[in-house]
Amino acid sequence: MKKYLILLLIVVPFIFTGCYHAQITTGLQASEEVYEDKWATSFISGLVPPSIVNAERECRNGVARVETRISFLNLVAHMVTFSLYSPMEITVVCAASQRADLQTIEVEKNSSAELVMDTFSDAIKQSAQTREPVYVSFK
């Protein structure tokens, strides 16, 4: 009976865990410049997220790609602490250079919520038509 209980305590955490990987790309060409944080601290299964990565300091030409994932060792830390400590990997790939032809729609900072929603809607339509990213900038 004791063997089954130990086996259950070892197997059950692996059954209820899964890999997590998210990637966000901006459309800019990637450079060799990479910022990595392999143990970005979050708590309670990510309910308390890791601190913000200030990419402006790391990447002179902007960001090409951001990836977040939970590695095997991060997963082990999750399981050992019963998800109270929930580390993850964050990788920021800097852009090689800024594109001059970026499509940008500007909105005043104090605009109404309706105008902001309409602007984002227009950006989505424009991006779908051109198959290029469209950026919304608040001025």
N, C-alpha and C. Protein backbone atom coordinates (compact mmCIF):
# COMPACT_ATOMS: atom_id res chain seq x y z
N MET A 1 0.83 -1.20 0.00
CA MET A 1 0.00 0.00 0.00
C MET A 1 0.87 1.26 0.00
N LYS A 2 1.96 1.23 0.77
CA LYS A 2 2.84 2.37 0.87
C LYS A 2 3.49 2.68 -0.48
N LYS A 3 3.83 1.62 -1.23
CA LYS A 3 4.45 1.79 -2.54
C LYS A 3 3.50 2.52 -3.50
N TYR A 4 2.23 2.14 -3.45
CA TYR A 4 1.25 2.77 -4.33
C TYR A 4 1.04 4.24 -3.98
N LEU A 5 1.07 4.56 -2.72
CA LEU A 5 0.92 5.95 -2.29
C LEU A 5 2.11 6.79 -2.77
N ILE A 6 3.31 6.26 -2.63
CA ILE A 6 4.50 6.97 -3.09
C ILE A 6 4.46 7.14 -4.60
N LEU A 7 4.10 6.09 -5.32
CA LEU A 7 3.98 6.15 -6.78
C LEU A 7 2.93 7.18 -7.19
N LEU A 8 1.82 7.20 -6.48
CA LEU A 8 0.76 8.17 -6.76
C LEU A 8 1.25 9.60 -6.55
N LEU A 9 2.00 9.83 -5.49
CA LEU A 9 2.52 11.17 -5.21
C LEU A 9 3.55 11.61 -6.24
N ILE A 10 4.22 10.68 -6.86
CA ILE A 10 5.19 11.02 -7.88
C ILE A 10 4.54 11.20 -9.24
N VAL A 11 3.59 10.37 -9.59
CA VAL A 11 2.98 10.38 -10.93
C VAL A 11 1.94 11.48 -11.09
N VAL A 12 1.12 11.73 -10.11
CA VAL A 12 0.02 12.69 -10.22
C VAL A 12 0.49 14.09 -10.60
N PRO A 13 1.55 14.63 -10.00
CA PRO A 13 1.98 15.97 -10.43
C PRO A 13 2.36 16.04 -11.91
N PHE A 14 2.93 14.97 -12.46
CA PHE A 14 3.28 14.98 -13.88
C PHE A 14 2.06 14.90 -14.77
N ILE A 15 1.00 14.28 -14.30
CA ILE A 15 -0.23 14.17 -15.10
C ILE A 15 -0.89 15.53 -15.24
N PHE A 16 -0.87 16.33 -14.20
CA PHE A 16 -1.57 17.60 -14.21
C PHE A 16 -0.71 18.78 -14.63
N THR A 17 0.48 18.51 -15.11
CA THR A 17 1.34 19.60 -15.58
C THR A 17 1.39 19.57 -17.09
N GLY A 18 1.79 20.68 -17.65
CA GLY A 18 1.92 20.76 -19.10
C GLY A 18 2.96 21.78 -19.45
N CYS A 19 3.41 21.74 -20.66
CA CYS A 19 4.40 22.71 -21.12
C CYS A 19 3.68 23.99 -21.52
N TYR A 20 4.33 25.08 -21.34
CA TYR A 20 3.77 26.37 -21.69
C TYR A 20 4.79 27.10 -22.54
N HIS A 21 4.34 27.61 -23.67
CA HIS A 21 5.24 28.36 -24.55
C HIS A 21 4.40 29.39 -25.30
N ALA A 22 4.81 30.64 -25.22
CA ALA A 22 4.13 31.70 -25.96
C ALA A 22 5.17 32.52 -26.69
N GLN A 23 4.85 32.93 -27.91
CA GLN A 23 5.80 33.71 -28.71
C GLN A 23 5.05 34.88 -29.35
N ILE A 24 5.64 36.05 -29.24
CA ILE A 24 5.07 37.25 -29.85
C ILE A 24 6.11 37.83 -30.79
N THR A 25 5.73 38.05 -32.04
CA THR A 25 6.66 38.63 -33.01
C THR A 25 6.14 39.99 -33.46
N THR A 26 7.07 40.89 -33.80
CA THR A 26 6.69 42.24 -34.18
C THR A 26 6.81 42.50 -35.67
N GLY A 27 7.43 41.58 -36.41
CA GLY A 27 7.62 41.79 -37.84
C GLY A 27 8.97 42.38 -38.18
N LEU A 28 9.74 42.78 -37.18
CA LEU A 28 11.08 43.30 -37.42
C LEU A 28 12.06 42.14 -37.56
N GLN A 29 13.13 42.34 -38.32
CA GLN A 29 14.13 41.31 -38.51
C GLN A 29 14.94 41.15 -37.23
N ALA A 30 15.17 39.90 -36.82
CA ALA A 30 15.88 39.61 -35.58
C ALA A 30 17.38 39.83 -35.73
N SER A 31 18.01 40.24 -34.65
CA SER A 31 19.46 40.39 -34.62
C SER A 31 20.05 39.29 -33.75
N GLU A 32 21.34 39.35 -33.53
CA GLU A 32 22.03 38.39 -32.66
C GLU A 32 21.91 38.79 -31.19
N GLU A 33 21.42 39.99 -30.94
CA GLU A 33 21.30 40.51 -29.58
C GLU A 33 20.10 39.86 -28.88
N VAL A 34 20.36 39.18 -27.76
CA VAL A 34 19.30 38.45 -27.05
C VAL A 34 19.42 38.74 -25.56
N TYR A 35 18.28 38.99 -24.93
CA TYR A 35 18.21 39.14 -23.48
C TYR A 35 17.44 37.94 -22.95
N GLU A 36 18.01 37.22 -21.97
CA GLU A 36 17.35 36.04 -21.42
C GLU A 36 17.27 36.12 -19.90
N ASP A 37 16.16 35.67 -19.38
CA ASP A 37 15.98 35.49 -17.95
C ASP A 37 15.42 34.09 -17.77
N LYS A 38 16.26 33.15 -17.38
CA LYS A 38 15.85 31.74 -17.30
C LYS A 38 15.05 31.44 -16.04
N TRP A 39 15.07 32.33 -15.07
CA TRP A 39 14.34 32.11 -13.83
C TRP A 39 13.54 33.37 -13.45
N ALA A 40 12.72 33.84 -14.36
CA ALA A 40 11.85 34.98 -14.06
C ALA A 40 10.84 34.54 -13.00
N THR A 41 10.82 35.25 -11.91
CA THR A 41 10.04 34.83 -10.74
C THR A 41 8.58 35.23 -10.85
N SER A 42 7.72 34.23 -10.75
CA SER A 42 6.29 34.48 -10.60
C SER A 42 5.79 33.56 -9.49
N PHE A 43 4.60 33.83 -9.00
CA PHE A 43 4.08 33.06 -7.88
C PHE A 43 2.66 32.60 -8.16
N ILE A 44 2.24 31.59 -7.44
CA ILE A 44 0.89 31.03 -7.47
C ILE A 44 0.47 30.72 -8.91
N SER A 45 1.25 29.87 -9.55
CA SER A 45 1.00 29.42 -10.93
C SER A 45 0.87 30.58 -11.92
N GLY A 46 1.60 31.65 -11.69
CA GLY A 46 1.59 32.78 -12.61
C GLY A 46 0.55 33.83 -12.30
N LEU A 47 -0.24 33.66 -11.24
CA LEU A 47 -1.22 34.70 -10.88
C LEU A 47 -0.51 35.99 -10.49
N VAL A 48 0.65 35.86 -9.87
CA VAL A 48 1.51 37.01 -9.61
C VAL A 48 2.61 36.92 -10.66
N PRO A 49 2.53 37.74 -11.71
CA PRO A 49 3.45 37.59 -12.85
C PRO A 49 4.85 38.08 -12.52
N PRO A 50 5.81 37.70 -13.38
CA PRO A 50 7.18 38.21 -13.18
C PRO A 50 7.24 39.70 -13.43
N SER A 51 8.31 40.32 -12.99
CA SER A 51 8.46 41.75 -13.19
C SER A 51 8.60 42.06 -14.68
N ILE A 52 8.28 43.26 -15.07
CA ILE A 52 8.29 43.68 -16.46
C ILE A 52 9.72 43.76 -16.98
N VAL A 53 9.93 43.23 -18.17
CA VAL A 53 11.24 43.33 -18.82
C VAL A 53 11.27 44.65 -19.56
N ASN A 54 12.21 45.51 -19.19
CA ASN A 54 12.32 46.82 -19.82
C ASN A 54 13.17 46.68 -21.09
N ALA A 55 12.54 46.36 -22.20
CA ALA A 55 13.24 46.06 -23.45
C ALA A 55 13.90 47.30 -24.04
N GLU A 56 13.45 48.50 -23.72
CA GLU A 56 14.06 49.70 -24.27
C GLU A 56 15.53 49.81 -23.88
N ARG A 57 15.84 49.39 -22.66
CA ARG A 57 17.23 49.44 -22.20
C ARG A 57 18.08 48.37 -22.88
N GLU A 58 17.49 47.23 -23.19
CA GLU A 58 18.24 46.11 -23.74
C GLU A 58 18.38 46.20 -25.26
N CYS A 59 17.35 46.66 -25.95
CA CYS A 59 17.32 46.63 -27.42
C CYS A 59 17.27 48.05 -27.98
N ARG A 60 18.34 48.46 -28.64
CA ARG A 60 18.42 49.82 -29.19
C ARG A 60 17.45 50.02 -30.36
N ASN A 61 17.23 48.99 -31.16
CA ASN A 61 16.40 49.12 -32.37
C ASN A 61 15.00 48.54 -32.22
N GLY A 62 14.60 48.28 -31.01
CA GLY A 62 13.28 47.69 -30.79
C GLY A 62 13.38 46.18 -30.62
N VAL A 63 12.23 45.55 -30.52
CA VAL A 63 12.14 44.12 -30.24
C VAL A 63 11.61 43.39 -31.46
N ALA A 64 12.25 42.28 -31.81
CA ALA A 64 11.79 41.45 -32.92
C ALA A 64 10.87 40.34 -32.42
N ARG A 65 11.22 39.74 -31.27
CA ARG A 65 10.43 38.60 -30.78
C ARG A 65 10.56 38.49 -29.26
N VAL A 66 9.47 38.10 -28.61
CA VAL A 66 9.47 37.82 -27.18
C VAL A 66 8.90 36.43 -26.99
N GLU A 67 9.60 35.61 -26.22
CA GLU A 67 9.12 34.26 -25.94
C GLU A 67 9.10 34.04 -24.44
N THR A 68 8.06 33.38 -23.99
CA THR A 68 8.00 32.92 -22.60
C THR A 68 7.73 31.44 -22.63
N ARG A 69 8.38 30.71 -21.74
CA ARG A 69 8.16 29.27 -21.68
C ARG A 69 8.51 28.76 -20.29
N ILE A 70 8.03 27.59 -20.00
CA ILE A 70 8.36 26.92 -18.75
C ILE A 70 9.23 25.73 -19.12
N SER A 71 10.47 25.75 -18.67
CA SER A 71 11.40 24.66 -18.96
C SER A 71 11.15 23.50 -17.99
N PHE A 72 11.84 22.40 -18.23
CA PHE A 72 11.69 21.25 -17.34
C PHE A 72 12.11 21.60 -15.92
N LEU A 73 13.23 22.32 -15.77
CA LEU A 73 13.67 22.69 -14.41
C LEU A 73 12.70 23.67 -13.76
N ASN A 74 12.11 24.58 -14.56
CA ASN A 74 11.08 25.46 -14.03
C ASN A 74 9.89 24.65 -13.53
N LEU A 75 9.55 23.61 -14.29
CA LEU A 75 8.43 22.74 -13.93
C LEU A 75 8.72 21.98 -12.64
N VAL A 76 9.96 21.55 -12.47
CA VAL A 76 10.34 20.87 -11.23
C VAL A 76 10.17 21.82 -10.05
N ALA A 77 10.61 23.07 -10.21
CA ALA A 77 10.44 24.06 -9.13
C ALA A 77 8.96 24.28 -8.84
N HIS A 78 8.13 24.29 -9.88
CA HIS A 78 6.67 24.40 -9.71
C HIS A 78 6.17 23.28 -8.81
N MET A 79 6.56 22.06 -9.17
CA MET A 79 6.03 20.89 -8.46
C MET A 79 6.54 20.82 -7.03
N VAL A 80 7.81 21.11 -6.80
CA VAL A 80 8.38 21.01 -5.46
C VAL A 80 7.72 22.01 -4.52
N THR A 81 7.36 23.17 -5.04
CA THR A 81 6.74 24.20 -4.19
C THR A 81 5.22 24.22 -4.30
N PHE A 82 4.66 23.19 -4.92
CA PHE A 82 3.20 23.10 -5.12
C PHE A 82 2.65 24.35 -5.81
N SER A 83 3.40 24.85 -6.80
CA SER A 83 3.05 26.00 -7.64
C SER A 83 3.04 27.33 -6.91
N LEU A 84 3.55 27.38 -5.70
CA LEU A 84 3.65 28.66 -5.01
C LEU A 84 4.74 29.51 -5.67
N TYR A 85 5.88 28.90 -5.99
CA TYR A 85 6.94 29.56 -6.74
C TYR A 85 6.84 29.01 -8.16
N SER A 86 6.64 29.89 -9.13
CA SER A 86 6.36 29.48 -10.51
C SER A 86 7.29 30.18 -11.49
N PRO A 87 8.55 29.78 -11.55
CA PRO A 87 9.48 30.46 -12.45
C PRO A 87 9.21 30.14 -13.92
N MET A 88 9.66 31.01 -14.80
CA MET A 88 9.55 30.78 -16.24
C MET A 88 10.72 31.44 -16.94
N GLU A 89 10.96 31.02 -18.18
CA GLU A 89 12.00 31.61 -19.00
C GLU A 89 11.41 32.72 -19.85
N ILE A 90 12.10 33.84 -19.93
CA ILE A 90 11.70 34.94 -20.82
C ILE A 90 12.88 35.24 -21.73
N THR A 91 12.64 35.24 -23.03
CA THR A 91 13.68 35.55 -24.01
C THR A 91 13.20 36.70 -24.88
N VAL A 92 14.00 37.76 -24.95
CA VAL A 92 13.71 38.91 -25.80
C VAL A 92 14.78 38.96 -26.88
N VAL A 93 14.36 38.85 -28.14
CA VAL A 93 15.29 38.95 -29.27
C VAL A 93 15.17 40.35 -29.84
N CYS A 94 16.28 41.07 -29.85
CA CYS A 94 16.28 42.45 -30.32
C CYS A 94 16.21 42.50 -31.84
N ALA A 95 15.73 43.62 -32.35
CA ALA A 95 15.62 43.81 -33.79
C ALA A 95 16.95 44.25 -34.37
N ALA A 96 17.21 43.85 -35.62
CA ALA A 96 18.45 44.23 -36.30
C ALA A 96 18.44 45.73 -36.58
N SER A 97 17.34 46.24 -37.06
CA SER A 97 17.18 47.67 -37.29
C SER A 97 15.70 47.97 -37.39
N GLN A 98 15.36 49.21 -37.16
CA GLN A 98 13.96 49.59 -37.27
C GLN A 98 13.61 49.77 -38.73
N ARG A 99 12.42 49.31 -39.10
CA ARG A 99 11.97 49.50 -40.47
C ARG A 99 11.40 50.89 -40.62
N ALA A 100 11.72 51.51 -41.73
CA ALA A 100 11.22 52.86 -41.98
C ALA A 100 9.77 52.83 -42.44
N ASP A 101 9.33 51.70 -42.97
CA ASP A 101 8.00 51.62 -43.55
C ASP A 101 6.96 51.05 -42.59
N LEU A 102 7.19 51.17 -41.28
CA LEU A 102 6.21 50.67 -40.33
C LEU A 102 4.91 51.45 -40.45
N GLN A 103 3.83 50.74 -40.53
CA GLN A 103 2.52 51.39 -40.61
C GLN A 103 2.07 51.70 -39.18
N THR A 104 1.84 52.96 -38.92
CA THR A 104 1.47 53.39 -37.58
C THR A 104 0.25 54.29 -37.64
N ILE A 105 -0.69 54.04 -36.74
CA ILE A 105 -1.86 54.90 -36.58
C ILE A 105 -1.73 55.58 -35.24
N GLU A 106 -1.83 56.89 -35.22
CA GLU A 106 -1.66 57.64 -33.98
C GLU A 106 -3.02 58.01 -33.38
N VAL A 107 -3.08 57.97 -32.05
CA VAL A 107 -4.28 58.31 -31.31
C VAL A 107 -3.87 59.23 -30.17
N GLU A 108 -4.66 60.22 -29.88
CA GLU A 108 -4.39 61.10 -28.75
C GLU A 108 -4.54 60.32 -27.44
N LYS A 109 -3.70 60.61 -26.46
CA LYS A 109 -3.73 59.88 -25.19
C LYS A 109 -5.07 59.99 -24.48
N ASN A 110 -5.71 61.13 -24.57
CA ASN A 110 -6.96 61.36 -23.84
C ASN A 110 -8.20 61.09 -24.69
N SER A 111 -8.06 60.28 -25.72
CA SER A 111 -9.20 59.98 -26.60
C SER A 111 -10.23 59.13 -25.87
N SER A 112 -11.45 59.18 -26.38
CA SER A 112 -12.52 58.39 -25.78
C SER A 112 -12.29 56.91 -26.04
N ALA A 113 -12.90 56.08 -25.22
CA ALA A 113 -12.77 54.63 -25.37
C ALA A 113 -13.30 54.18 -26.73
N GLU A 114 -14.37 54.82 -27.19
CA GLU A 114 -14.96 54.47 -28.48
C GLU A 114 -13.98 54.75 -29.62
N LEU A 115 -13.29 55.90 -29.57
CA LEU A 115 -12.32 56.24 -30.60
C LEU A 115 -11.13 55.28 -30.58
N VAL A 116 -10.69 54.91 -29.39
CA VAL A 116 -9.58 53.96 -29.27
C VAL A 116 -9.98 52.61 -29.86
N MET A 117 -11.19 52.15 -29.54
CA MET A 117 -11.66 50.86 -30.08
C MET A 117 -11.78 50.93 -31.60
N ASP A 118 -12.27 52.03 -32.13
CA ASP A 118 -12.38 52.20 -33.59
C ASP A 118 -10.99 52.20 -34.23
N THR A 119 -10.03 52.83 -33.57
CA THR A 119 -8.67 52.87 -34.10
C THR A 119 -8.06 51.47 -34.15
N PHE A 120 -8.24 50.70 -33.08
CA PHE A 120 -7.72 49.32 -33.09
C PHE A 120 -8.44 48.48 -34.14
N SER A 121 -9.72 48.70 -34.31
CA SER A 121 -10.47 47.98 -35.34
C SER A 121 -9.92 48.31 -36.73
N ASP A 122 -9.65 49.60 -36.98
CA ASP A 122 -9.07 50.00 -38.27
C ASP A 122 -7.68 49.38 -38.46
N ALA A 123 -6.90 49.33 -37.40
CA ALA A 123 -5.56 48.74 -37.50
C ALA A 123 -5.63 47.26 -37.83
N ILE A 124 -6.59 46.57 -37.25
CA ILE A 124 -6.77 45.14 -37.54
C ILE A 124 -7.16 44.94 -39.00
N LYS A 125 -8.10 45.75 -39.50
CA LYS A 125 -8.51 45.64 -40.89
C LYS A 125 -7.36 45.93 -41.84
N GLN A 126 -6.60 46.98 -41.54
CA GLN A 126 -5.47 47.36 -42.39
C GLN A 126 -4.40 46.26 -42.37
N SER A 127 -4.14 45.67 -41.21
CA SER A 127 -3.16 44.60 -41.10
C SER A 127 -3.59 43.36 -41.87
N ALA A 128 -4.89 43.06 -41.82
CA ALA A 128 -5.42 41.91 -42.56
C ALA A 128 -5.29 42.11 -44.06
N GLN A 129 -5.49 43.33 -44.53
CA GLN A 129 -5.41 43.62 -45.96
C GLN A 129 -3.97 43.58 -46.46
N THR A 130 -3.05 44.17 -45.71
CA THR A 130 -1.66 44.28 -46.16
C THR A 130 -0.79 43.11 -45.72
N ARG A 131 -1.29 42.32 -44.78
CA ARG A 131 -0.53 41.20 -44.20
C ARG A 131 0.78 41.68 -43.57
N GLU A 132 0.76 42.88 -43.04
CA GLU A 132 1.90 43.49 -42.36
C GLU A 132 1.40 44.00 -41.00
N PRO A 133 2.30 44.11 -40.02
CA PRO A 133 1.87 44.66 -38.74
C PRO A 133 1.52 46.13 -38.86
N VAL A 134 0.52 46.53 -38.10
CA VAL A 134 0.11 47.93 -38.01
C VAL A 134 0.17 48.29 -36.53
N TYR A 135 0.89 49.35 -36.23
CA TYR A 135 1.09 49.76 -34.85
C TYR A 135 0.19 50.91 -34.49
N VAL A 136 -0.32 50.89 -33.26
CA VAL A 136 -1.14 51.98 -32.74
C VAL A 136 -0.29 52.70 -31.72
N SER A 137 -0.10 54.00 -31.94
CA SER A 137 0.75 54.81 -31.08
C SER A 137 -0.11 55.86 -30.39
N PHE A 138 0.06 55.97 -29.07
CA PHE A 138 -0.67 56.98 -28.31
C PHE A 138 0.22 58.19 -28.10
N LYS A 139 -0.19 59.33 -28.67
CA LYS A 139 0.60 60.57 -28.58
C LYS A 139 -0.09 61.58 -27.71
